[in-house]
């Protein structure tokens, strides 16, 4: 058991410890408080210094910004002053211009006033002159009536005739000008349509060489073809309706005949006889009959193929047969069937360009030369022969006129006829389409120049462009501008009447005045 003294001492010790701990805590807290105060004072001092630095930097930045704004403001003010001065300068110029315009207007008003006064004076003078002229004319009329013993109607006719004579030159000049303008427009449009047609339709060459000779293996074959006392050749000519020419030309015999189908039958029959070798009258008749059937079948097939190629429907078999016959007909070396097909397509393209019916143009183009298939059997020109033939099979009046009038034999009564004539000329006159002998070509050029030289005032003339154009040079003293056009037209008309040629011929008349002087 603890004694009281012990307990007291324990309690005193504990109390001292507590007191000591309390005092120590107080001291520690006091020290901590002092440190915190010191730190706080330092932080406060640092914060003050930072604030001063921030304030100082802000003041510097604000000062710089203020200076920048001031400079910008000053620049804007200067620019505004410059623009204001420029506006004042323009305004001053505008005012000066307005002042000058006002002065001009005043001057014009004065001039107009003066002109008006002059017009009034002139009008008054003209009125007086009119009265004087009227009096003089009336006096002259009375004198003319007294002198010539004419009545008023006769005098009126005389004056009108005189006026017409005076105006004739001016009328010719106006007509010439209008003709030139019209020709330019028509020529330009025609060239455009024809060029488009030629470009859109590119056909193969239609020029062919007509072969009328047959090769034989040896000259001994000529004797077999002639036969004993000529019986074989007579039987052959009787069966085919052609002439067989056997001359001294080595290695060939010639078939001659106007009918292209008969000539083709004879050619094929002769070739078969030569290949077969059995040549006697009965064999000739048998072979010719069989060949004729084959050729007619071929002709019909060719006609049908041509109609299908150009898309022309509803043709009678007789017409198709004649179309096929054209395949064996040539004109200046040009195959007439291929020429007709080409004309059909060219006419269709031009009709489409002009807003016409292309199918009608194709039909007329295919049939326009059908008369050439029978012109060796029927008298007359092939346009009339073809039109009469087609009329029997119910072709329309447009087709008939296009066929009969495409060479100008009769007037055209529809727009398709000129198209067929133009397409026919294009197909026939393009380079290489037709051929002619050199002698005939030279004669045509000489005849062309001879026709032009027949006119008065012509000094020289030259056929150029392979006879497609003739240049006529006239004397400027004998031919004036008004008569030059008429002379060119007359030359062209005379060429049409007297000369036969494919396509068209251009007549160019040249008139010039040369004045020559010498400075010495």
Protein backbone atom coordinates (compact mmCIF):
# COMPACT_ATOMS: atom_id res chain seq x y z
CA UNK A 1 0.00 0.00 0.00
CA UNK A 2 1.25 3.40 -0.85
CA UNK A 3 1.54 5.84 1.89
CA UNK A 4 0.06 9.24 1.76
CA UNK A 5 3.43 10.80 1.32
CA UNK A 6 4.08 8.47 -1.55
CA UNK A 7 0.79 9.27 -3.12
CA UNK A 8 1.35 12.94 -2.59
CA UNK A 9 4.79 12.71 -4.10
CA UNK A 10 3.36 10.75 -7.03
CA UNK A 11 0.62 13.25 -7.52
CA UNK A 12 3.08 16.08 -7.21
CA UNK A 13 5.28 14.42 -9.76
CA UNK A 14 2.40 13.87 -12.09
CA UNK A 15 1.25 17.41 -11.63
CA UNK A 16 4.71 18.72 -12.23
CA UNK A 17 4.94 16.65 -15.36
CA UNK A 18 1.64 17.93 -16.56
CA UNK A 19 2.61 21.45 -15.75
CA UNK A 20 5.94 20.92 -17.38
CA UNK A 21 4.22 19.48 -20.49
CA UNK A 22 1.80 22.34 -20.55
CA UNK A 23 4.59 24.86 -20.23
CA UNK A 24 6.53 23.06 -22.95
CA UNK A 25 3.47 23.05 -25.21
CA UNK A 26 3.02 26.72 -24.59
CA UNK A 27 6.64 27.36 -25.45
CA UNK A 28 6.39 25.22 -28.57
CA UNK A 29 3.18 26.92 -29.64
CA UNK A 30 4.75 30.25 -29.03
CA UNK A 31 7.72 29.27 -31.16
CA UNK A 32 5.45 27.95 -33.95
CA UNK A 33 3.39 31.11 -33.82
CA UNK A 34 6.54 33.18 -34.08
CA UNK A 35 7.73 31.16 -37.10
CA UNK A 36 4.35 31.46 -38.78
CA UNK A 37 4.33 35.18 -38.18
CA UNK A 38 7.80 35.44 -39.67
CA UNK A 39 6.83 33.38 -42.70
CA UNK A 40 3.66 35.35 -43.08
CA UNK A 41 5.59 38.57 -42.92
CA UNK A 42 8.04 37.29 -45.54
CA UNK A 43 5.23 36.11 -47.82
CA UNK A 44 3.44 39.37 -47.35
CA UNK A 45 6.58 41.26 -48.20
CA UNK A 46 7.15 39.02 -51.27
CA UNK A 47 3.54 39.45 -52.33
CA UNK A 48 3.93 43.20 -52.05
CA UNK A 49 7.05 43.08 -54.18
CA UNK A 50 5.32 40.82 -56.78
CA UNK A 51 2.31 43.09 -56.82
CA UNK A 52 4.54 46.08 -57.36
CA UNK A 53 6.31 44.24 -60.21
CA UNK A 54 2.95 43.28 -61.80
CA UNK A 55 1.67 46.81 -61.41
CA UNK A 56 4.86 48.16 -62.90
CA UNK A 57 4.70 45.72 -65.87
CA UNK A 58 1.02 46.49 -66.35
CA UNK A 59 1.76 50.18 -66.39
CA UNK A 60 4.54 49.68 -68.94
CA UNK A 61 2.27 47.50 -71.13
CA UNK A 62 -0.60 49.93 -70.81
CA UNK A 63 1.73 52.77 -71.75
CA UNK A 64 2.96 50.85 -74.83
CA UNK A 65 -0.61 49.95 -75.85
CA UNK A 66 -1.65 53.54 -75.39
CA UNK A 67 1.24 54.68 -77.58
CA UNK A 68 0.30 52.06 -80.24
CA UNK A 69 -3.36 53.12 -80.19
CA UNK A 70 -2.28 56.72 -80.39
CA UNK A 71 -0.11 55.98 -83.42
CA UNK A 72 -2.92 54.03 -85.12
CA UNK A 73 -5.35 56.77 -84.38
CA UNK A 74 -2.91 59.32 -85.74
CA UNK A 75 -2.46 57.23 -88.94
CA UNK A 76 -6.22 56.93 -89.37
CA UNK A 77 -6.62 60.64 -88.90
CA UNK A 78 -3.89 61.28 -91.48
CA UNK A 79 -5.51 58.84 -93.94
CA UNK A 80 -8.89 60.43 -93.39
CA UNK A 81 -7.33 63.84 -94.01
CA UNK A 82 -5.74 62.54 -97.25
CA UNK A 83 -9.05 61.05 -98.44
CA UNK A 84 -10.83 64.24 -97.51
CA UNK A 85 -8.36 66.31 -99.48
CA UNK A 86 -8.73 63.89 -102.46
CA UNK A 87 -12.52 64.14 -102.25
CA UNK A 88 -12.24 67.92 -102.09
CA UNK A 89 -9.96 67.83 -105.17
CA UNK A 90 -12.40 65.60 -107.12
CA UNK A 91 -15.30 67.74 -106.07
CA UNK A 92 -13.43 70.79 -107.24
CA UNK A 93 -12.75 69.13 -110.61
CA UNK A 94 -16.39 68.04 -110.88
CA UNK A 95 -17.52 71.55 -110.16
CA UNK A 96 -15.13 72.85 -112.81
CA UNK A 97 -16.49 70.30 -115.30
CA UNK A 98 -20.06 71.27 -114.45
CA UNK A 99 -19.14 74.90 -114.97
CA UNK A 100 -17.60 74.09 -118.35
CA UNK A 101 -20.68 72.04 -119.32
CA UNK A 102 -22.89 74.89 -118.32
CA UNK A 103 -20.84 77.21 -120.48
CA UNK A 104 -21.06 74.76 -123.41
CA UNK A 105 -24.80 74.41 -122.92
CA UNK A 106 -25.18 78.15 -122.94
CA UNK A 107 -23.10 78.36 -126.11
CA UNK A 108 -25.16 75.59 -127.72
CA UNK A 109 -28.38 77.29 -126.72
CA UNK A 110 -27.13 80.45 -128.35
CA UNK A 111 -26.06 78.50 -131.45
CA UNK A 112 -29.40 76.67 -131.57
CA UNK A 113 -31.21 79.94 -131.28
CA UNK A 114 -29.15 81.39 -134.10
CA UNK A 115 -29.68 78.20 -136.18
CA UNK A 116 -33.40 78.36 -135.56
CA UNK A 117 -33.46 81.92 -136.76
CA UNK A 118 -31.46 80.91 -139.84
CA UNK A 119 -33.85 78.00 -140.49
CA UNK A 120 -36.81 80.32 -140.26
CA UNK A 121 -35.15 82.66 -142.74
CA UNK A 122 -34.26 79.75 -145.05
CA UNK A 123 -37.78 78.37 -144.78
CA UNK A 124 -39.16 81.72 -145.72
CA UNK A 125 -36.75 81.93 -148.64
CA UNK A 126 -37.64 78.38 -149.73
CA UNK A 127 -41.33 79.21 -149.65
CA UNK A 128 -40.65 82.17 -151.88
CA UNK A 129 -38.49 80.05 -154.20
CA UNK A 130 -41.22 77.40 -154.35
CA UNK A 131 -43.72 79.99 -155.39
CA UNK A 132 -41.33 81.25 -158.03
CA UNK A 133 -40.55 77.70 -159.25
CA UNK A 134 -44.24 76.83 -159.30
CA UNK A 135 -44.92 79.87 -161.39
CA UNK A 136 -42.04 79.04 -163.75
CA UNK A 137 -43.18 75.39 -164.08
CA UNK A 138 -46.73 76.46 -164.79
CA UNK A 139 -45.44 78.90 -167.38
CA UNK A 140 -43.25 76.20 -168.96
CA UNK A 141 -46.14 73.75 -169.01
CA UNK A 142 -48.29 76.29 -170.80
CA UNK A 143 -45.51 77.02 -173.25
CA UNK A 144 -44.88 73.30 -173.85
CA UNK A 145 -48.56 72.71 -174.41
CA UNK A 146 -48.67 75.61 -176.86
CA UNK A 147 -45.48 74.57 -178.69
CA UNK A 148 -46.07 70.82 -178.90
CA UNK A 149 -49.82 70.91 -179.05
CA UNK A 150 -49.83 68.15 -176.37
CA UNK A 151 -52.55 67.62 -173.87
CA UNK A 152 -51.84 67.30 -170.15
CA UNK A 153 -51.77 63.48 -170.22
CA UNK A 154 -49.25 63.36 -173.08
CA UNK A 155 -47.00 65.90 -171.37
CA UNK A 156 -47.23 63.90 -168.17
CA UNK A 157 -46.13 60.74 -169.98
CA UNK A 158 -43.22 62.64 -171.56
CA UNK A 159 -42.04 63.92 -168.20
CA UNK A 160 -42.36 60.47 -166.63
CA UNK A 161 -40.34 58.95 -169.46
CA UNK A 162 -37.64 61.57 -168.98
CA UNK A 163 -37.60 60.91 -165.24
CA UNK A 164 -37.41 57.16 -165.84
CA UNK A 165 -34.45 57.62 -168.19
CA UNK A 166 -32.65 59.74 -165.60
CA UNK A 167 -33.28 57.18 -162.84
CA UNK A 168 -32.30 54.15 -164.94
CA UNK A 169 -28.64 54.35 -163.99
CA UNK A 170 -29.48 54.65 -160.29
CA UNK A 171 -31.94 51.78 -160.58
CA UNK A 172 -29.30 49.58 -162.19
CA UNK A 173 -26.85 50.40 -159.41
CA UNK A 174 -29.43 49.55 -156.71
CA UNK A 175 -30.40 46.32 -158.48
CA UNK A 176 -26.74 45.39 -158.84
CA UNK A 177 -26.14 46.01 -155.15
CA UNK A 178 -29.14 43.94 -154.10
CA UNK A 179 -28.15 41.14 -156.46
CA UNK A 180 -24.66 41.07 -155.01
CA UNK A 181 -25.98 40.98 -151.44
CA UNK A 182 -28.47 38.23 -152.31
CA UNK A 183 -25.86 36.21 -154.17
CA UNK A 184 -23.46 36.46 -151.23
CA UNK A 185 -26.10 35.23 -148.78
CA UNK A 186 -27.28 32.45 -151.11
CA UNK A 187 -23.73 31.37 -151.95
CA UNK A 188 -22.70 31.29 -148.30
CA UNK A 189 -25.74 29.24 -147.28
CA UNK A 190 -25.37 26.92 -150.27
CA UNK A 191 -21.70 26.31 -149.53
CA UNK A 192 -22.56 25.56 -145.91
CA UNK A 193 -25.24 23.01 -146.86
CA UNK A 194 -23.19 21.38 -149.64
CA UNK A 195 -20.06 21.22 -147.46
CA UNK A 196 -22.06 19.61 -144.68
CA UNK A 197 -23.54 17.08 -147.13
CA UNK A 198 -20.14 16.17 -148.60
CA UNK A 199 -18.54 15.85 -145.16
CA UNK A 200 -21.36 13.75 -143.73
CA UNK A 201 -21.49 11.38 -146.73
CA UNK A 202 -18.13 9.98 -147.80
CA UNK A 203 -18.71 7.48 -150.63
CA UNK A 204 -16.29 5.17 -152.34
CA UNK A 205 -14.95 6.18 -155.72
CA UNK A 206 -17.64 5.63 -158.37
CA UNK A 207 -15.36 5.85 -161.40
CA UNK A 208 -15.03 2.52 -163.24
CA UNK A 209 -13.31 1.37 -166.38
CA UNK A 210 -15.72 -0.12 -168.88
CA UNK A 211 -14.09 -3.32 -170.16
CA UNK A 212 -15.40 -4.32 -173.61
CA UNK A 213 -12.60 -6.74 -174.45
CA UNK A 214 -12.31 -10.46 -173.62
CA UNK A 215 -8.96 -12.19 -173.27
CA UNK A 216 -8.48 -15.42 -175.19
CA UNK A 217 -5.81 -18.03 -174.47
CA UNK A 218 -4.45 -18.03 -178.04
CA UNK A 219 -5.17 -16.64 -181.48
CA UNK A 220 -6.31 -20.11 -182.58
CA UNK A 221 -9.39 -19.56 -180.44
CA UNK A 222 -10.42 -16.75 -182.79
CA UNK A 223 -10.92 -19.26 -185.58
CA UNK A 224 -13.06 -21.49 -183.37
CA UNK A 225 -15.15 -18.51 -182.29
CA UNK A 226 -15.73 -17.53 -185.92
CA UNK A 227 -16.47 -21.11 -186.93
CA UNK A 228 -16.74 -22.62 -190.36
CA UNK A 229 -17.86 -19.94 -192.79
CA UNK A 230 -18.63 -17.74 -189.74
CA UNK A 231 -21.56 -19.84 -188.46
CA UNK A 232 -20.45 -19.70 -184.81
CA UNK A 233 -20.01 -15.94 -184.65
CA UNK A 234 -23.30 -15.37 -186.52
CA UNK A 235 -25.14 -17.67 -184.12
CA UNK A 236 -23.56 -15.86 -181.16
CA UNK A 237 -24.46 -12.38 -182.46
CA UNK A 238 -28.01 -13.50 -183.23
CA UNK A 239 -28.51 -15.02 -179.77
CA UNK A 240 -27.01 -12.09 -177.84
CA UNK A 241 -27.91 -9.10 -180.04
CA UNK A 242 -24.38 -7.65 -179.96
CA UNK A 243 -21.50 -7.34 -182.39
CA UNK A 244 -18.37 -9.44 -181.95
CA UNK A 245 -15.25 -7.79 -183.37
CA UNK A 246 -12.43 -10.19 -184.14
CA UNK A 247 -9.46 -8.30 -185.59
CA UNK A 248 -5.70 -8.61 -185.71
CA UNK A 249 -5.24 -7.50 -182.11
CA UNK A 250 -3.46 -10.42 -180.45
CA UNK A 251 -5.04 -12.15 -177.47
CA UNK A 252 -8.37 -10.26 -177.33
CA UNK A 253 -11.78 -9.99 -178.96
CA UNK A 254 -14.19 -7.07 -178.57
CA UNK A 255 -17.88 -7.12 -177.60
CA UNK A 256 -19.83 -4.09 -178.89
CA UNK A 257 -23.44 -3.20 -178.11
CA UNK A 258 -25.60 -0.35 -176.81
CA UNK A 259 -27.72 -2.46 -174.45
CA UNK A 260 -25.68 -2.96 -171.25
CA UNK A 261 -27.56 -6.13 -170.25
CA UNK A 262 -27.06 -7.74 -173.64
CA UNK A 263 -23.40 -6.75 -173.54
CA UNK A 264 -23.01 -8.32 -170.08
CA UNK A 265 -24.82 -11.51 -171.21
CA UNK A 266 -22.55 -11.69 -174.26
CA UNK A 267 -19.43 -11.13 -172.19
CA UNK A 268 -20.24 -13.85 -169.68
CA UNK A 269 -21.40 -16.25 -172.40
CA UNK A 270 -18.22 -15.74 -174.40
CA UNK A 271 -16.04 -16.32 -171.33
CA UNK A 272 -17.95 -19.55 -170.55
CA UNK A 273 -17.64 -20.75 -174.17
CA UNK A 274 -13.90 -20.10 -174.14
CA UNK A 275 -13.52 -21.99 -170.84
CA UNK A 276 -15.77 -24.86 -172.01
CA UNK A 277 -14.15 -25.19 -175.42
CA UNK A 278 -17.30 -26.58 -177.06
CA UNK A 279 -18.23 -23.84 -179.51
CA UNK A 280 -21.03 -24.60 -181.96
CA UNK A 281 -24.45 -23.02 -182.66
CA UNK A 282 -26.58 -25.26 -180.44
CA UNK A 283 -24.18 -24.96 -177.53
CA UNK A 284 -24.05 -21.19 -178.02
CA UNK A 285 -27.87 -20.87 -177.91
CA UNK A 286 -28.11 -23.09 -174.84
CA UNK A 287 -25.35 -21.25 -172.96
CA UNK A 288 -26.63 -17.78 -173.89
CA UNK A 289 -30.16 -18.65 -172.69
CA UNK A 290 -28.84 -19.92 -169.35
CA UNK A 291 -26.53 -16.91 -168.93
CA UNK A 292 -29.40 -14.51 -169.71
CA UNK A 293 -31.47 -16.02 -166.89
CA UNK A 294 -28.54 -15.77 -164.50
CA UNK A 295 -27.87 -12.16 -165.46
CA UNK A 296 -31.52 -11.13 -165.05
CA UNK A 297 -31.61 -12.73 -161.60
CA UNK A 298 -28.41 -10.87 -160.76
CA UNK A 299 -29.86 -7.60 -162.10
CA UNK A 300 -32.97 -7.96 -159.92
CA UNK A 301 -30.83 -8.80 -156.90
CA UNK A 302 -28.62 -5.73 -157.49
CA UNK A 303 -31.72 -3.51 -157.79
CA UNK A 304 -33.14 -4.83 -154.51
CA UNK A 305 -29.80 -4.39 -152.74
CA UNK A 306 -29.56 -0.80 -153.95
CA UNK A 307 -33.10 0.01 -152.73
CA UNK A 308 -32.31 -1.54 -149.34
CA UNK A 309 -29.02 0.37 -149.15
CA UNK A 310 -30.76 3.75 -149.55
CA UNK A 311 -33.85 2.59 -147.60
CA UNK A 312 -36.35 3.22 -150.43
CA UNK A 313 -39.39 0.98 -150.07
CA UNK A 314 -42.42 0.08 -152.18
CA UNK A 315 -40.71 0.04 -155.60
CA UNK A 316 -42.26 -2.03 -158.37
CA UNK A 317 -40.23 -5.02 -159.60
CA UNK A 318 -39.97 -3.40 -163.04
CA UNK A 319 -38.39 -0.36 -161.44
CA UNK A 320 -36.04 -2.55 -159.41
CA UNK A 321 -35.03 -4.34 -162.62
CA UNK A 322 -34.16 -1.05 -164.31
CA UNK A 323 -32.25 0.09 -161.22
CA UNK A 324 -30.22 -3.11 -161.37
CA UNK A 325 -29.61 -2.46 -165.08
CA UNK A 326 -27.90 0.82 -164.16
CA UNK A 327 -25.13 -1.26 -162.56
CA UNK A 328 -24.00 -2.16 -166.10
CA UNK A 329 -24.32 1.38 -167.44
CA UNK A 330 -21.52 3.96 -167.22
CA UNK A 331 -21.34 7.68 -167.94
CA UNK A 332 -17.83 9.02 -168.64
CA UNK A 333 -16.57 5.93 -166.80
CA UNK A 334 -18.81 6.54 -163.77
CA UNK A 335 -21.04 3.64 -162.71
CA UNK A 336 -24.58 5.04 -162.98
CA UNK A 337 -26.01 2.90 -160.16
CA UNK A 338 -23.31 3.93 -157.67
CA UNK A 339 -23.77 7.50 -158.87
CA UNK A 340 -27.53 7.26 -158.19
CA UNK A 341 -26.96 5.86 -154.70
CA UNK A 342 -24.51 8.66 -153.97
CA UNK A 343 -26.96 11.29 -155.24
CA UNK A 344 -29.68 9.78 -153.01
CA UNK A 345 -27.58 10.14 -149.86
CA UNK A 346 -26.29 13.62 -150.74
CA UNK A 347 -29.83 14.84 -151.48
CA UNK A 348 -31.08 13.40 -148.19
CA UNK A 349 -28.37 15.18 -146.17
CA UNK A 350 -29.11 18.52 -147.87
CA UNK A 351 -32.87 18.02 -147.42
CA UNK A 352 -32.38 17.37 -143.71
CA UNK A 353 -30.31 20.57 -143.45
CA UNK A 354 -33.18 22.54 -145.06
CA UNK A 355 -35.90 20.91 -142.96
CA UNK A 356 -37.36 18.88 -145.86
CA UNK A 357 -38.31 15.19 -145.98
CA UNK A 358 -35.11 13.16 -146.39
CA UNK A 359 -36.95 10.02 -147.53
CA UNK A 360 -38.46 11.84 -150.53
CA UNK A 361 -35.05 13.23 -151.43
CA UNK A 362 -33.50 9.74 -151.22
CA UNK A 363 -36.19 8.25 -153.45
CA UNK A 364 -35.83 11.00 -156.07
CA UNK A 365 -32.03 10.71 -155.96
CA UNK A 366 -32.07 6.95 -156.52
CA UNK A 367 -34.52 7.22 -159.43
CA UNK A 368 -33.27 10.42 -161.11
CA UNK A 369 -31.14 8.62 -163.78
CA UNK A 370 -33.36 5.56 -164.28
CA UNK A 371 -33.98 6.69 -167.86
CA UNK A 372 -30.36 5.82 -168.70
CA UNK A 373 -31.28 2.14 -168.31
CA UNK A 374 -33.53 2.36 -171.38
CA UNK A 375 -32.33 5.40 -173.38
CA UNK A 376 -30.75 3.03 -175.93
CA UNK A 377 -34.21 1.60 -176.68
CA UNK A 378 -36.45 4.71 -176.39
CA UNK A 379 -35.93 7.99 -178.22
CA UNK A 380 -35.41 11.16 -176.20
CA UNK A 381 -33.35 12.32 -173.28
CA UNK A 382 -33.01 10.16 -170.21
CA UNK A 383 -34.86 12.65 -167.87
CA UNK A 384 -38.06 12.50 -169.95
CA UNK A 385 -37.71 8.75 -170.55
CA UNK A 386 -37.29 8.11 -166.81
CA UNK A 387 -40.24 10.34 -165.85
CA UNK A 388 -42.58 8.66 -168.37
CA UNK A 389 -41.48 5.21 -167.16
CA UNK A 390 -42.03 6.06 -163.47
CA UNK A 391 -45.40 7.68 -164.20
CA UNK A 392 -46.71 4.29 -165.37
CA UNK A 393 -45.96 2.83 -161.94
CA UNK A 394 -47.65 5.52 -159.85
CA UNK A 395 -44.72 7.59 -158.58
CA UNK A 396 -45.66 10.97 -157.05
CA UNK A 397 -45.55 14.25 -158.96
CA UNK A 398 -42.60 15.41 -156.80
CA UNK A 399 -40.50 12.42 -157.88
CA UNK A 400 -41.55 12.81 -161.50
CA UNK A 401 -40.60 16.50 -161.59
CA UNK A 402 -37.29 15.84 -159.87
CA UNK A 403 -36.44 13.14 -162.44
CA UNK A 404 -37.52 15.13 -165.49
CA UNK A 405 -36.19 18.55 -164.42
CA UNK A 406 -32.84 17.69 -162.81
CA UNK A 407 -31.05 18.82 -166.01
CA UNK A 408 -33.23 21.92 -166.47
CA UNK A 409 -35.31 20.50 -169.32
CA UNK A 410 -38.50 21.72 -167.63
CA UNK A 411 -39.04 24.19 -164.73
CA UNK A 412 -38.84 22.86 -161.18
CA UNK A 413 -42.13 22.94 -159.25
CA UNK A 414 -40.91 21.73 -155.84
CA UNK A 415 -37.86 22.27 -153.59
CA UNK A 416 -36.58 18.71 -154.06
CA UNK A 417 -35.75 19.15 -157.76
CA UNK A 418 -32.94 21.72 -157.17
CA UNK A 419 -31.54 19.43 -154.46
CA UNK A 420 -31.39 16.50 -156.90
CA UNK A 421 -29.72 18.73 -159.52
CA UNK A 422 -27.15 19.93 -156.96
CA UNK A 423 -26.44 16.41 -155.66
CA UNK A 424 -26.13 15.15 -159.25
CA UNK A 425 -23.58 17.89 -160.02
CA UNK A 426 -21.62 17.17 -156.83
CA UNK A 427 -21.41 13.45 -157.54
CA UNK A 428 -20.51 13.92 -161.21
CA UNK A 429 -18.00 16.76 -160.85
CA UNK A 430 -15.92 15.73 -157.86
CA UNK A 431 -12.31 14.84 -158.75
CA UNK A 432 -11.92 11.42 -160.35
CA UNK A 433 -15.64 10.72 -160.67
CA UNK A 434 -15.67 10.91 -164.44
CA UNK A 435 -13.12 10.61 -167.19
CA UNK A 436 -12.95 11.82 -170.76
CA UNK A 437 -10.45 11.56 -173.53
CA UNK A 438 -7.71 14.17 -173.87
CA UNK A 439 -8.93 15.20 -177.29
CA UNK A 440 -12.48 15.77 -176.08
CA UNK A 441 -11.17 17.63 -173.04
CA UNK A 442 -9.07 20.01 -175.17
CA UNK A 443 -11.96 20.60 -177.56
CA UNK A 444 -14.24 21.47 -174.67
CA UNK A 445 -11.76 24.02 -173.33
CA UNK A 446 -11.30 25.57 -176.78
CA UNK A 447 -15.08 25.75 -177.28
CA UNK A 448 -15.43 27.37 -173.84
CA UNK A 449 -12.96 30.13 -174.72
CA UNK A 450 -14.48 30.53 -178.20
CA UNK A 451 -17.95 31.17 -176.74
CA UNK A 452 -16.62 33.90 -174.44
CA UNK A 453 -14.68 35.64 -177.23
CA UNK A 454 -17.87 36.11 -179.26
CA UNK A 455 -19.03 38.96 -177.01
CA UNK A 456 -18.11 42.57 -177.78
CA UNK A 457 -15.58 44.15 -175.45
CA UNK A 458 -13.83 40.87 -174.52
CA UNK A 459 -10.05 41.20 -174.76
CA UNK A 460 -8.88 37.81 -173.44
CA UNK A 461 -10.35 34.73 -171.82
CA UNK A 462 -8.78 31.72 -170.15
CA UNK A 463 -10.33 28.35 -169.22
CA UNK A 464 -8.88 27.23 -165.88
CA UNK A 465 -9.56 24.67 -163.13
CA UNK A 466 -9.78 21.84 -165.70
CA UNK A 467 -12.59 23.65 -167.49
CA UNK A 468 -14.60 24.32 -164.31
CA UNK A 469 -14.02 28.09 -164.54
CA UNK A 470 -13.45 30.64 -167.28
CA UNK A 471 -11.84 34.03 -166.64
CA UNK A 472 -13.02 36.73 -169.04
CA UNK A 473 -11.08 40.02 -169.26
CA UNK A 474 -13.02 42.91 -170.83
CA UNK A 475 -12.07 46.38 -172.00
CA UNK A 476 -13.00 48.84 -169.26
CA UNK A 477 -13.68 51.58 -171.81
CA UNK A 478 -16.27 49.51 -173.72
CA UNK A 479 -17.92 47.71 -170.78
CA UNK A 480 -19.17 49.57 -167.72
CA UNK A 481 -20.01 48.20 -164.29
CA UNK A 482 -23.72 47.91 -165.00
CA UNK A 483 -23.31 45.92 -168.22
CA UNK A 484 -20.54 43.69 -166.81
CA UNK A 485 -22.99 41.66 -164.74
CA UNK A 486 -25.32 41.23 -167.70
CA UNK A 487 -22.41 40.12 -169.92
CA UNK A 488 -21.32 37.49 -167.37
CA UNK A 489 -24.88 36.18 -167.19
CA UNK A 490 -25.17 36.10 -170.99
CA UNK A 491 -21.87 34.19 -171.31
CA UNK A 492 -23.04 31.63 -168.75
CA UNK A 493 -26.37 31.26 -170.58
CA UNK A 494 -24.63 30.77 -173.93
CA UNK A 495 -22.32 28.13 -172.41
CA UNK A 496 -25.38 26.29 -171.05
CA UNK A 497 -27.06 26.35 -174.48
CA UNK A 498 -24.09 25.36 -176.65
CA UNK A 499 -21.80 23.21 -174.51
CA UNK A 500 -22.25 19.81 -172.83
CA UNK A 501 -20.24 19.34 -169.65
CA UNK A 502 -20.47 17.59 -166.26
CA UNK A 503 -21.18 19.70 -163.17
CA UNK A 504 -21.04 23.48 -163.52
CA UNK A 505 -18.75 26.13 -165.01
CA UNK A 506 -17.98 29.35 -163.15
CA UNK A 507 -17.81 32.54 -165.25
CA UNK A 508 -15.60 35.24 -163.74
CA UNK A 509 -15.60 38.59 -165.60
CA UNK A 510 -12.75 40.99 -164.83
CA UNK A 511 -12.93 44.72 -165.58
CA UNK A 512 -10.32 47.21 -164.46
CA UNK A 513 -9.17 50.70 -165.32
CA UNK A 514 -5.42 51.33 -165.40
CA UNK A 515 -4.19 54.91 -165.44
CA UNK A 516 -0.48 55.26 -166.27
CA UNK A 517 1.51 58.48 -166.16
CA UNK A 518 5.25 59.17 -166.15
CA UNK A 519 6.99 61.73 -163.96
CA UNK A 520 9.97 63.16 -165.84
